[in-house]
Amino acid sequence: MKPSKLLGGALAMTMATLGGAALAEYPEKPVSFVVPWPPGDLEDVLTRMIAEDFQAAYGVPAAVVNKPGGGGGPFPGAIGVATAPADGYTVGSFVPAVPVIGHEIGIDELADEVFAPVGIFLTYPFVIATSGDAPYSSMAELAEYAKSNDVALGHFGDVLTPTQVTKAFAVNAGFEWGSDAAFDALDCNTLASGDADVINTTLQLILPCLSDVKVLTSITGERISLVPDAPTIGELDGSLDIALWNGLFVHKDTPQDVRDKIAEVAKKTVMSDRAQAVAKETGALVYWADADASADIIAKDKATVAHIGTLLE
């Protein structure tokens, strides 16, 4: 009986060891935060802060991986998050288009609404801007000018919320864009080079030349503090009252305790002095909306986007 007992004890210890390995506490290996845009814009800056704090909190490598879509918006990067294991080691930093319409545009990997929000942390100071010497200084003047002149629009992708809002405004205002094109970056050089007459971008990207451009409107819920004279799109057309935000997302099958650990660090980061300094410098809103609040925001935006879709049919 003694050998049998010893064998049984050894077997139990082995199983316990294996079980402990199988249930190792998250995180135990590097974590990637996927930003589906080039480096430098607000979502990249803030997500890098979150990754740095995540690494400091949990002692594992954590880094931002930039996966710009080359005019395809955030969707190539989103596919990478959707097809990764649902274990919290690949986290998406996404704009509304991914959870709001990503499942509706014919991308097989996103067709089942595979993402769950961890939390929304940023409202971009998104604007419609033009060169300082443009023959229009407001959206109303732009609309009149575009009725008899070709105006080229630059944007980050046709299916993205700000682009859809901009095109829907044109429909309601009775004009058509002469042409439009998607860019990975929309900044001072885009206007200076003449690649586009009007750009749909974040204020941060044109801050270096702000004195040489005209901000015609902001696609935000409230006016941007750095350009207070520019009305919001909702002030100009109440049916288009929507803002562009960014949040952290994981696969919907990711365990709740894993989501909680990501959220705990992210919330502390975005409410820190260094993150709030970014908000003050750029006119962005930096905050933390938890998973439930984020789900409510997404539901509201789906309704607004559906309305915009009817205008663009």
C-alpha atoms as a PDB file:
ATOM      1  CA  MET A   1       0.000   0.000   0.000  1.00  0.00           C
ATOM      2  CA  LYS A   2       2.834   2.409   0.695  1.00  0.00           C
ATOM      3  CA  PRO A   3       4.157   2.451  -2.918  1.00  0.00           C
ATOM      4  CA  SER A   4       0.613   3.015  -4.119  1.00  0.00           C
ATOM      5  CA  LYS A   5       0.135   5.902  -1.740  1.00  0.00           C
ATOM      6  CA  LEU A   6       3.436   7.416  -2.786  1.00  0.00           C
ATOM      7  CA  LEU A   7       2.522   7.065  -6.453  1.00  0.00           C
ATOM      8  CA  GLY A   8      -0.864   8.623  -5.824  1.00  0.00           C
ATOM      9  CA  GLY A   9       0.703  11.538  -3.976  1.00  0.00           C
ATOM     10  CA  ALA A  10       3.230  12.132  -6.722  1.00  0.00           C
ATOM     11  CA  LEU A  11       0.494  12.006  -9.327  1.00  0.00           C
ATOM     12  CA  ALA A  12      -1.568  14.520  -7.386  1.00  0.00           C
ATOM     13  CA  MET A  13       1.413  16.870  -7.071  1.00  0.00           C
ATOM     14  CA  THR A  14       2.110  16.560 -10.791  1.00  0.00           C
ATOM     15  CA  MET A  15      -1.499  17.329 -11.695  1.00  0.00           C
ATOM     16  CA  ALA A  16      -1.518  20.298  -9.360  1.00  0.00           C
ATOM     17  CA  THR A  17       1.652  21.618 -10.944  1.00  0.00           C
ATOM     18  CA  LEU A  18       0.235  21.188 -14.430  1.00  0.00           C
ATOM     19  CA  GLY A  19      -3.029  22.738 -13.375  1.00  0.00           C
ATOM     20  CA  GLY A  20      -1.199  25.722 -11.928  1.00  0.00           C
ATOM     21  CA  ALA A  21       0.656  26.186 -15.196  1.00  0.00           C
ATOM     22  CA  ALA A  22      -2.545  25.947 -17.204  1.00  0.00           C
ATOM     23  CA  LEU A  23      -4.189  28.541 -14.979  1.00  0.00           C
ATOM     24  CA  ALA A  24      -1.231  30.906 -14.779  1.00  0.00           C
ATOM     25  CA  GLU A  25      -2.270  34.362 -13.679  1.00  0.00           C
ATOM     26  CA  TYR A  26      -2.618  37.011 -16.394  1.00  0.00           C
ATOM     27  CA  PRO A  27      -0.378  38.528 -17.596  1.00  0.00           C
ATOM     28  CA  GLU A  28       2.618  36.217 -17.881  1.00  0.00           C
ATOM     29  CA  LYS A  29       3.958  37.186 -21.322  1.00  0.00           C
ATOM     30  CA  PRO A  30       4.183  40.296 -23.553  1.00  0.00           C
ATOM     31  CA  VAL A  31       0.989  42.222 -24.303  1.00  0.00           C
ATOM     32  CA  SER A  32       0.427  44.070 -27.570  1.00  0.00           C
ATOM     33  CA  PHE A  33      -1.809  47.126 -27.898  1.00  0.00           C
ATOM     34  CA  VAL A  34      -2.766  47.409 -31.561  1.00  0.00           C
ATOM     35  CA  VAL A  35      -3.228  50.946 -32.890  1.00  0.00           C
ATOM     36  CA  PRO A  36      -4.455  50.723 -36.509  1.00  0.00           C
ATOM     37  CA  TRP A  37      -2.969  54.103 -37.473  1.00  0.00           C
ATOM     38  CA  PRO A  38       0.536  55.522 -37.930  1.00  0.00           C
ATOM     39  CA  PRO A  39       2.365  56.801 -34.826  1.00  0.00           C
ATOM     40  CA  GLY A  40       1.823  60.316 -33.552  1.00  0.00           C
ATOM     41  CA  ASP A  41      -1.888  60.984 -33.201  1.00  0.00           C
ATOM     42  CA  LEU A  42      -3.773  61.095 -29.925  1.00  0.00           C
ATOM     43  CA  GLU A  43      -4.840  57.450 -29.776  1.00  0.00           C
ATOM     44  CA  ASP A  44      -1.216  56.440 -30.304  1.00  0.00           C
ATOM     45  CA  VAL A  45       0.138  58.828 -27.661  1.00  0.00           C
ATOM     46  CA  LEU A  46      -2.376  57.787 -25.005  1.00  0.00           C
ATOM     47  CA  THR A  47      -2.242  54.077 -25.791  1.00  0.00           C
ATOM     48  CA  ARG A  48       1.537  54.220 -25.417  1.00  0.00           C
ATOM     49  CA  MET A  49       1.050  55.723 -21.968  1.00  0.00           C
ATOM     50  CA  ILE A  50      -1.309  52.885 -21.085  1.00  0.00           C
ATOM     51  CA  ALA A  51       1.176  50.292 -22.364  1.00  0.00           C
ATOM     52  CA  GLU A  52       3.998  51.850 -20.331  1.00  0.00           C
ATOM     53  CA  ASP A  53       1.909  51.818 -17.164  1.00  0.00           C
ATOM     54  CA  PHE A  54       0.725  48.265 -17.865  1.00  0.00           C
ATOM     55  CA  GLN A  55       4.331  47.108 -18.105  1.00  0.00           C
ATOM     56  CA  ALA A  56       5.225  48.902 -14.875  1.00  0.00           C
ATOM     57  CA  ALA A  57       2.189  47.505 -13.036  1.00  0.00           C
ATOM     58  CA  TYR A  58       2.519  43.867 -14.073  1.00  0.00           C
ATOM     59  CA  GLY A  59       6.196  43.443 -14.909  1.00  0.00           C
ATOM     60  CA  VAL A  60       5.732  42.065 -18.415  1.00  0.00           C
ATOM     61  CA  PRO A  61       6.659  43.751 -21.718  1.00  0.00           C
ATOM     62  CA  ALA A  62       3.816  45.800 -23.190  1.00  0.00           C
ATOM     63  CA  ALA A  63       4.060  47.779 -26.386  1.00  0.00           C
ATOM     64  CA  VAL A  64       2.028  49.536 -29.052  1.00  0.00           C
ATOM     65  CA  VAL A  65       1.958  47.902 -32.479  1.00  0.00           C
ATOM     66  CA  ASN A  66       0.974  50.345 -35.234  1.00  0.00           C
ATOM     67  CA  LYS A  67      -0.921  48.709 -38.113  1.00  0.00           C
ATOM     68  CA  PRO A  68      -2.134  51.451 -40.494  1.00  0.00           C
ATOM     69  CA  GLY A  69      -4.552  50.352 -43.164  1.00  0.00           C
ATOM     70  CA  GLY A  70      -3.225  52.252 -46.183  1.00  0.00           C
ATOM     71  CA  GLY A  71      -6.566  53.977 -46.827  1.00  0.00           C
ATOM     72  CA  GLY A  72      -8.513  51.025 -45.457  1.00  0.00           C
ATOM     73  CA  GLY A  73      -9.056  52.732 -42.137  1.00  0.00           C
ATOM     74  CA  PRO A  74      -8.655  50.696 -38.951  1.00  0.00           C
ATOM     75  CA  PHE A  75      -9.895  47.389 -40.298  1.00  0.00           C
ATOM     76  CA  PRO A  76      -6.644  45.555 -41.142  1.00  0.00           C
ATOM     77  CA  GLY A  77      -5.505  46.204 -37.574  1.00  0.00           C
ATOM     78  CA  ALA A  78      -8.899  45.180 -36.202  1.00  0.00           C
ATOM     79  CA  ILE A  79      -8.723  41.868 -38.059  1.00  0.00           C
ATOM     80  CA  GLY A  80      -5.435  41.136 -36.316  1.00  0.00           C
ATOM     81  CA  VAL A  81      -7.068  41.611 -32.921  1.00  0.00           C
ATOM     82  CA  ALA A  82     -10.163  39.621 -33.914  1.00  0.00           C
ATOM     83  CA  THR A  83      -8.135  36.591 -35.047  1.00  0.00           C
ATOM     84  CA  ALA A  84      -5.729  36.565 -32.092  1.00  0.00           C
ATOM     85  CA  PRO A  85      -6.478  34.271 -29.130  1.00  0.00           C
ATOM     86  CA  ALA A  86      -9.108  35.653 -26.745  1.00  0.00           C
ATOM     87  CA  ASP A  87      -6.680  35.867 -23.849  1.00  0.00           C
ATOM     88  CA  GLY A  88      -5.981  39.585 -23.399  1.00  0.00           C
ATOM     89  CA  TYR A  89      -2.516  39.520 -24.918  1.00  0.00           C
ATOM     90  CA  THR A  90      -3.709  41.409 -28.004  1.00  0.00           C
ATOM     91  CA  VAL A  91      -5.723  44.540 -27.212  1.00  0.00           C
ATOM     92  CA  GLY A  92      -7.231  46.854 -29.827  1.00  0.00           C
ATOM     93  CA  SER A  93      -7.256  50.640 -29.537  1.00  0.00           C
ATOM     94  CA  PHE A  94     -10.168  51.460 -31.832  1.00  0.00           C
ATOM     95  CA  VAL A  95     -12.319  54.290 -33.187  1.00  0.00           C
ATOM     96  CA  PRO A  96     -16.131  53.829 -33.442  1.00  0.00           C
ATOM     97  CA  ALA A  97     -16.090  52.371 -36.952  1.00  0.00           C
ATOM     98  CA  VAL A  98     -14.725  49.059 -35.698  1.00  0.00           C
ATOM     99  CA  PRO A  99     -17.501  48.155 -33.199  1.00  0.00           C
ATOM    100  CA  VAL A 100     -20.254  50.269 -34.793  1.00  0.00           C
ATOM    101  CA  ILE A 101     -20.079  49.186 -38.445  1.00  0.00           C
ATOM    102  CA  GLY A 102     -17.195  46.742 -38.740  1.00  0.00           C
ATOM    103  CA  HIS A 103     -19.583  43.791 -38.750  1.00  0.00           C
ATOM    104  CA  GLU A 104     -21.641  45.268 -41.598  1.00  0.00           C
ATOM    105  CA  ILE A 105     -19.102  45.946 -44.335  1.00  0.00           C
ATOM    106  CA  GLY A 106     -18.292  42.471 -45.599  1.00  0.00           C
ATOM    107  CA  ILE A 107     -15.215  41.598 -43.543  1.00  0.00           C
ATOM    108  CA  ASP A 108     -15.580  37.932 -42.621  1.00  0.00           C
ATOM    109  CA  GLU A 109     -13.342  38.131 -39.552  1.00  0.00           C
ATOM    110  CA  LEU A 110     -15.500  40.916 -38.042  1.00  0.00           C
ATOM    111  CA  ALA A 111     -18.919  39.669 -39.140  1.00  0.00           C
ATOM    112  CA  ASP A 112     -20.041  38.367 -35.733  1.00  0.00           C
ATOM    113  CA  GLU A 113     -19.397  41.537 -33.676  1.00  0.00           C
ATOM    114  CA  VAL A 114     -16.404  39.876 -32.080  1.00  0.00           C
ATOM    115  CA  PHE A 115     -15.261  42.773 -29.872  1.00  0.00           C
ATOM    116  CA  ALA A 116     -16.175  43.790 -26.332  1.00  0.00           C
ATOM    117  CA  PRO A 117     -15.269  47.214 -24.928  1.00  0.00           C
ATOM    118  CA  VAL A 118     -12.851  47.486 -22.040  1.00  0.00           C
ATOM    119  CA  GLY A 119     -13.411  51.225 -21.897  1.00  0.00           C
ATOM    120  CA  ILE A 120     -13.521  54.411 -23.966  1.00  0.00           C
ATOM    121  CA  PHE A 121     -10.888  56.986 -23.026  1.00  0.00           C
ATOM    122  CA  LEU A 122     -10.684  59.711 -25.675  1.00  0.00           C
ATOM    123  CA  THR A 123     -12.886  62.032 -27.700  1.00  0.00           C
ATOM    124  CA  TYR A 124     -10.841  63.418 -30.549  1.00  0.00           C
ATOM    125  CA  PRO A 125     -10.797  67.118 -31.354  1.00  0.00           C
ATOM    126  CA  PHE A 126     -11.833  66.170 -34.902  1.00  0.00           C
ATOM    127  CA  VAL A 127     -12.208  69.048 -37.326  1.00  0.00           C
ATOM    128  CA  ILE A 128     -12.928  69.970 -40.919  1.00  0.00           C
ATOM    129  CA  ALA A 129     -10.208  72.396 -41.984  1.00  0.00           C
ATOM    130  CA  THR A 130      -8.940  74.189 -45.055  1.00  0.00           C
ATOM    131  CA  SER A 131      -6.065  76.461 -46.089  1.00  0.00           C
ATOM    132  CA  GLY A 132      -5.967  79.982 -44.760  1.00  0.00           C
ATOM    133  CA  ASP A 133      -6.296  81.384 -48.286  1.00  0.00           C
ATOM    134  CA  ALA A 134      -9.334  79.281 -49.236  1.00  0.00           C
ATOM    135  CA  PRO A 135     -12.246  81.356 -50.656  1.00  0.00           C
ATOM    136  CA  TYR A 136     -14.558  80.214 -47.852  1.00  0.00           C
ATOM    137  CA  SER A 137     -14.402  80.614 -44.081  1.00  0.00           C
ATOM    138  CA  SER A 138     -17.401  78.628 -42.879  1.00  0.00           C
ATOM    139  CA  MET A 139     -19.246  75.458 -43.788  1.00  0.00           C
ATOM    140  CA  ALA A 140     -22.069  77.555 -45.263  1.00  0.00           C
ATOM    141  CA  GLU A 141     -19.628  79.435 -47.490  1.00  0.00           C
ATOM    142  CA  LEU A 142     -17.959  76.170 -48.447  1.00  0.00           C
ATOM    143  CA  ALA A 143     -21.336  74.736 -49.449  1.00  0.00           C
ATOM    144  CA  GLU A 144     -22.064  77.706 -51.733  1.00  0.00           C
ATOM    145  CA  TYR A 145     -18.597  77.613 -53.275  1.00  0.00           C
ATOM    146  CA  ALA A 146     -18.734  73.841 -53.886  1.00  0.00           C
ATOM    147  CA  LYS A 147     -21.984  74.149 -55.810  1.00  0.00           C
ATOM    148  CA  SER A 148     -20.065  75.667 -58.711  1.00  0.00           C
ATOM    149  CA  ASN A 149     -16.450  74.594 -58.023  1.00  0.00           C
ATOM    150  CA  ASP A 150     -14.723  71.266 -57.477  1.00  0.00           C
ATOM    151  CA  VAL A 151     -13.486  70.869 -53.915  1.00  0.00           C
ATOM    152  CA  ALA A 152     -11.285  67.876 -53.037  1.00  0.00           C
ATOM    153  CA  LEU A 153     -11.838  66.255 -49.641  1.00  0.00           C
ATOM    154  CA  GLY A 154      -9.134  64.333 -47.783  1.00  0.00           C
ATOM    155  CA  HIS A 155     -10.161  61.871 -45.066  1.00  0.00           C
ATOM    156  CA  PHE A 156      -8.963  58.807 -43.156  1.00  0.00           C
ATOM    157  CA  GLY A 157     -11.298  56.300 -44.808  1.00  0.00           C
ATOM    158  CA  ASP A 158     -14.722  56.384 -46.404  1.00  0.00           C
ATOM    159  CA  VAL A 159     -16.488  54.281 -43.764  1.00  0.00           C
ATOM    160  CA  LEU A 160     -15.154  56.195 -40.767  1.00  0.00           C
ATOM    161  CA  THR A 161     -17.549  58.317 -38.726  1.00  0.00           C
ATOM    162  CA  PRO A 162     -16.053  61.768 -39.477  1.00  0.00           C
ATOM    163  CA  THR A 163     -15.991  61.014 -43.203  1.00  0.00           C
ATOM    164  CA  GLN A 164     -19.574  59.842 -43.165  1.00  0.00           C
ATOM    165  CA  VAL A 165     -20.624  62.932 -41.207  1.00  0.00           C
ATOM    166  CA  THR A 166     -18.784  65.204 -43.649  1.00  0.00           C
ATOM    167  CA  LYS A 167     -20.431  63.597 -46.655  1.00  0.00           C
ATOM    168  CA  ALA A 168     -23.851  63.615 -44.998  1.00  0.00           C
ATOM    169  CA  PHE A 169     -23.459  67.332 -44.283  1.00  0.00           C
ATOM    170  CA  ALA A 170     -22.852  67.894 -47.995  1.00  0.00           C
ATOM    171  CA  VAL A 171     -26.071  66.051 -48.830  1.00  0.00           C
ATOM    172  CA  ASN A 172     -28.112  68.146 -46.389  1.00  0.00           C
ATOM    173  CA  ALA A 173     -26.403  71.357 -47.534  1.00  0.00           C
ATOM    174  CA  GLY A 174     -27.074  70.613 -51.203  1.00  0.00           C
ATOM    175  CA  PHE A 175     -23.584  70.180 -52.646  1.00  0.00           C
ATOM    176  CA  GLU A 176     -21.241  67.393 -53.764  1.00  0.00           C
ATOM    177  CA  TRP A 177     -17.532  67.015 -53.151  1.00  0.00           C
ATOM    178  CA  GLY A 178     -15.595  67.280 -56.400  1.00  0.00           C
ATOM    179  CA  SER A 179     -13.454  64.322 -55.316  1.00  0.00           C
ATOM    180  CA  ASP A 180     -12.350  62.591 -52.165  1.00  0.00           C
ATOM    181  CA  ALA A 181      -9.482  60.321 -51.159  1.00  0.00           C
ATOM    182  CA  ALA A 182      -8.292  58.441 -48.097  1.00  0.00           C
ATOM    183  CA  PHE A 183      -4.921  59.190 -46.483  1.00  0.00           C
ATOM    184  CA  ASP A 184      -2.982  57.573 -43.645  1.00  0.00           C
ATOM    185  CA  ALA A 185      -1.938  61.047 -42.467  1.00  0.00           C
ATOM    186  CA  LEU A 186      -3.744  64.367 -42.856  1.00  0.00           C
ATOM    187  CA  ASP A 187      -1.699  67.295 -41.665  1.00  0.00           C
ATOM    188  CA  CYS A 188      -0.268  70.665 -42.644  1.00  0.00           C
ATOM    189  CA  ASN A 189       1.578  69.125 -45.595  1.00  0.00           C
ATOM    190  CA  THR A 190      -1.647  67.744 -47.067  1.00  0.00           C
ATOM    191  CA  LEU A 191      -3.086  71.226 -47.410  1.00  0.00           C
ATOM    192  CA  ALA A 192       0.181  72.926 -48.346  1.00  0.00           C
ATOM    193  CA  SER A 193       0.838  70.432 -51.143  1.00  0.00           C
ATOM    194  CA  GLY A 194      -2.669  70.787 -52.564  1.00  0.00           C
ATOM    195  CA  ASP A 195      -3.345  67.072 -52.201  1.00  0.00           C
ATOM    196  CA  ALA A 196      -6.726  68.076 -50.746  1.00  0.00           C
ATOM    197  CA  ASP A 197      -8.615  71.355 -50.467  1.00  0.00           C
ATOM    198  CA  VAL A 198     -10.443  70.388 -47.292  1.00  0.00           C
ATOM    199  CA  ILE A 199      -9.272  67.821 -44.757  1.00  0.00           C
ATOM    200  CA  ASN A 200     -11.080  65.829 -42.142  1.00  0.00           C
ATOM    201  CA  THR A 201      -8.486  65.374 -39.373  1.00  0.00           C
ATOM    202  CA  THR A 202      -7.656  65.827 -35.710  1.00  0.00           C
ATOM    203  CA  LEU A 203      -6.664  69.245 -34.456  1.00  0.00           C
ATOM    204  CA  GLN A 204      -3.403  67.858 -33.093  1.00  0.00           C
ATOM    205  CA  LEU A 205      -2.152  67.090 -36.599  1.00  0.00           C
ATOM    206  CA  ILE A 206      -2.579  70.692 -37.751  1.00  0.00           C
ATOM    207  CA  LEU A 207      -1.477  72.477 -34.572  1.00  0.00           C
ATOM    208  CA  PRO A 208       1.931  73.333 -36.085  1.00  0.00           C
ATOM    209  CA  CYS A 209       0.220  75.377 -38.815  1.00  0.00           C
ATOM    210  CA  LEU A 210      -2.939  76.413 -36.986  1.00  0.00           C
ATOM    211  CA  SER A 211      -2.355  80.084 -37.742  1.00  0.00           C
ATOM    212  CA  ASP A 212      -2.269  79.271 -41.464  1.00  0.00           C
ATOM    213  CA  VAL A 213      -5.461  77.209 -41.695  1.00  0.00           C
ATOM    214  CA  LYS A 214      -9.159  77.740 -41.155  1.00  0.00           C
ATOM    215  CA  VAL A 215     -11.067  75.357 -38.917  1.00  0.00           C
ATOM    216  CA  LEU A 216     -14.585  75.331 -40.356  1.00  0.00           C
ATOM    217  CA  THR A 217     -16.268  73.038 -37.823  1.00  0.00           C
ATOM    218  CA  SER A 218     -15.517  70.370 -35.232  1.00  0.00           C
ATOM    219  CA  ILE A 219     -16.999  66.884 -35.182  1.00  0.00           C
ATOM    220  CA  THR A 220     -17.285  66.861 -31.411  1.00  0.00           C
ATOM    221  CA  GLY A 221     -19.992  67.050 -28.791  1.00  0.00           C
ATOM    222  CA  GLU A 222     -18.798  70.458 -27.621  1.00  0.00           C
ATOM    223  CA  ARG A 223     -16.608  73.217 -29.026  1.00  0.00           C
ATOM    224  CA  ILE A 224     -12.862  72.688 -28.860  1.00  0.00           C
ATOM    225  CA  SER A 225     -11.167  75.016 -26.395  1.00  0.00           C
ATOM    226  CA  LEU A 226      -8.249  75.770 -28.725  1.00  0.00           C
ATOM    227  CA  VAL A 227     -10.565  76.895 -31.578  1.00  0.00           C
ATOM    228  CA  PRO A 228     -13.619  78.190 -29.702  1.00  0.00           C
ATOM    229  CA  ASP A 229     -15.003  80.132 -32.677  1.00  0.00           C
ATOM    230  CA  ALA A 230     -15.475  76.964 -34.738  1.00  0.00           C
ATOM    231  CA  PRO A 231     -19.014  75.587 -34.255  1.00  0.00           C
ATOM    232  CA  THR A 232     -19.643  71.899 -33.723  1.00  0.00           C
ATOM    233  CA  ILE A 233     -21.220  69.940 -36.538  1.00  0.00           C
ATOM    234  CA  GLY A 234     -24.248  69.443 -34.296  1.00  0.00           C
ATOM    235  CA  GLU A 235     -24.720  73.218 -34.069  1.00  0.00           C
ATOM    236  CA  LEU A 236     -24.824  73.367 -37.864  1.00  0.00           C
ATOM    237  CA  ASP A 237     -26.954  70.243 -38.369  1.00  0.00           C
ATOM    238  CA  GLY A 238     -28.560  68.617 -35.343  1.00  0.00           C
ATOM    239  CA  SER A 239     -29.129  65.317 -37.144  1.00  0.00           C
ATOM    240  CA  LEU A 240     -25.356  64.814 -37.387  1.00  0.00           C
ATOM    241  CA  ASP A 241     -24.534  65.352 -33.716  1.00  0.00           C
ATOM    242  CA  ILE A 242     -21.864  62.721 -33.100  1.00  0.00           C
ATOM    243  CA  ALA A 243     -18.269  62.638 -31.872  1.00  0.00           C
ATOM    244  CA  LEU A 244     -15.281  60.490 -32.726  1.00  0.00           C
ATOM    245  CA  TRP A 245     -13.860  58.584 -29.778  1.00  0.00           C
ATOM    246  CA  ASN A 246     -11.253  55.894 -29.132  1.00  0.00           C
ATOM    247  CA  GLY A 247     -11.348  52.991 -26.726  1.00  0.00           C
ATOM    248  CA  LEU A 248      -9.742  49.703 -25.754  1.00  0.00           C
ATOM    249  CA  PHE A 249     -11.347  46.507 -27.043  1.00  0.00           C
ATOM    250  CA  VAL A 250     -10.716  42.791 -26.680  1.00  0.00           C
ATOM    251  CA  HIS A 251     -12.292  39.708 -28.203  1.00  0.00           C
ATOM    252  CA  LYS A 252     -15.682  39.111 -26.603  1.00  0.00           C
ATOM    253  CA  ASP A 253     -14.545  35.699 -25.295  1.00  0.00           C
ATOM    254  CA  THR A 254     -11.760  37.247 -23.217  1.00  0.00           C
ATOM    255  CA  PRO A 255     -12.210  36.366 -19.504  1.00  0.00           C
ATOM    256  CA  GLN A 256     -13.668  39.103 -17.332  1.00  0.00           C
ATOM    257  CA  ASP A 257     -10.787  39.100 -14.852  1.00  0.00           C
ATOM    258  CA  VAL A 258      -8.393  39.788 -17.719  1.00  0.00           C
ATOM    259  CA  ARG A 259     -10.533  42.693 -18.951  1.00  0.00           C
ATOM    260  CA  ASP A 260     -10.618  44.068 -15.402  1.00  0.00           C
ATOM    261  CA  LYS A 261      -6.830  44.103 -15.138  1.00  0.00           C
ATOM    262  CA  ILE A 262      -6.487  45.999 -18.410  1.00  0.00           C
ATOM    263  CA  ALA A 263      -9.197  48.454 -17.359  1.00  0.00           C
ATOM    264  CA  GLU A 264      -7.632  49.067 -13.948  1.00  0.00           C
ATOM    265  CA  VAL A 265      -4.378  50.283 -15.467  1.00  0.00           C
ATOM    266  CA  ALA A 266      -5.990  52.189 -18.347  1.00  0.00           C
ATOM    267  CA  LYS A 267      -8.292  54.157 -16.055  1.00  0.00           C
ATOM    268  CA  LYS A 268      -5.393  55.253 -13.842  1.00  0.00           C
ATOM    269  CA  THR A 269      -3.351  56.231 -16.882  1.00  0.00           C
ATOM    270  CA  VAL A 270      -5.927  58.415 -18.620  1.00  0.00           C
ATOM    271  CA  MET A 271      -6.858  60.210 -15.417  1.00  0.00           C
ATOM    272  CA  SER A 272      -3.206  60.913 -14.589  1.00  0.00           C
ATOM    273  CA  ASP A 273      -1.681  64.373 -14.791  1.00  0.00           C
ATOM    274  CA  ARG A 274       0.404  63.530 -17.864  1.00  0.00           C
ATOM    275  CA  ALA A 275      -2.643  62.285 -19.814  1.00  0.00           C
ATOM    276  CA  GLN A 276      -4.733  65.268 -18.761  1.00  0.00           C
ATOM    277  CA  ALA A 277      -1.897  67.520 -19.915  1.00  0.00           C
ATOM    278  CA  VAL A 278      -2.331  66.044 -23.400  1.00  0.00           C
ATOM    279  CA  ALA A 279      -6.013  66.963 -23.237  1.00  0.00           C
ATOM    280  CA  LYS A 280      -5.195  70.543 -22.286  1.00  0.00           C
ATOM    281  CA  GLU A 281      -2.566  70.898 -25.010  1.00  0.00           C
ATOM    282  CA  THR A 282      -4.662  69.448 -27.841  1.00  0.00           C
ATOM    283  CA  GLY A 283      -8.276  70.275 -27.011  1.00  0.00           C
ATOM    284  CA  ALA A 284      -9.140  66.584 -26.736  1.00  0.00           C
ATOM    285  CA  LEU A 285     -11.327  65.111 -23.997  1.00  0.00           C
ATOM    286  CA  VAL A 286      -9.468  62.416 -22.038  1.00  0.00           C
ATOM    287  CA  TYR A 287     -11.531  60.429 -19.520  1.00  0.00           C
ATOM    288  CA  TRP A 288     -12.608  56.878 -18.635  1.00  0.00           C
ATOM    289  CA  ALA A 289     -15.974  55.363 -19.585  1.00  0.00           C
ATOM    290  CA  ASP A 290     -16.211  51.802 -18.277  1.00  0.00           C
ATOM    291  CA  ALA A 291     -17.437  48.812 -20.264  1.00  0.00           C
ATOM    292  CA  ASP A 292     -21.140  49.402 -19.548  1.00  0.00           C
ATOM    293  CA  ALA A 293     -20.973  53.131 -20.325  1.00  0.00           C
ATOM    294  CA  SER A 294     -19.014  52.335 -23.482  1.00  0.00           C
ATOM    295  CA  ALA A 295     -21.663  49.868 -24.591  1.00  0.00           C
ATOM    296  CA  ASP A 296     -24.300  52.603 -24.210  1.00  0.00           C
ATOM    297  CA  ILE A 297     -22.215  55.014 -26.303  1.00  0.00           C
ATOM    298  CA  ILE A 298     -21.821  52.396 -29.010  1.00  0.00           C
ATOM    299  CA  ALA A 299     -25.566  51.717 -29.087  1.00  0.00           C
ATOM    300  CA  LYS A 300     -26.353  55.441 -29.471  1.00  0.00           C
ATOM    301  CA  ASP A 301     -23.768  55.833 -32.210  1.00  0.00           C
ATOM    302  CA  LYS A 302     -25.197  52.882 -34.126  1.00  0.00           C
ATOM    303  CA  ALA A 303     -28.532  54.723 -34.327  1.00  0.00           C
ATOM    304  CA  THR A 304     -26.914  57.964 -35.518  1.00  0.00           C
ATOM    305  CA  VAL A 305     -24.756  56.161 -38.048  1.00  0.00           C
ATOM    306  CA  ALA A 306     -27.840  54.348 -39.373  1.00  0.00           C
ATOM    307  CA  HIS A 307     -29.484  57.753 -39.941  1.00  0.00           C
ATOM    308  CA  ILE A 308     -26.399  59.008 -41.743  1.00  0.00           C
ATOM    309  CA  GLY A 309     -26.453  55.873 -43.852  1.00  0.00           C
ATOM    310  CA  THR A 310     -29.944  56.699 -45.113  1.00  0.00           C
ATOM    311  CA  LEU A 311     -28.707  60.131 -46.203  1.00  0.00           C
ATOM    312  CA  LEU A 312     -25.861  58.603 -48.198  1.00  0.00           C
ATOM    313  CA  GLU A 313     -27.827  55.885 -49.963  1.00  0.00           C
END
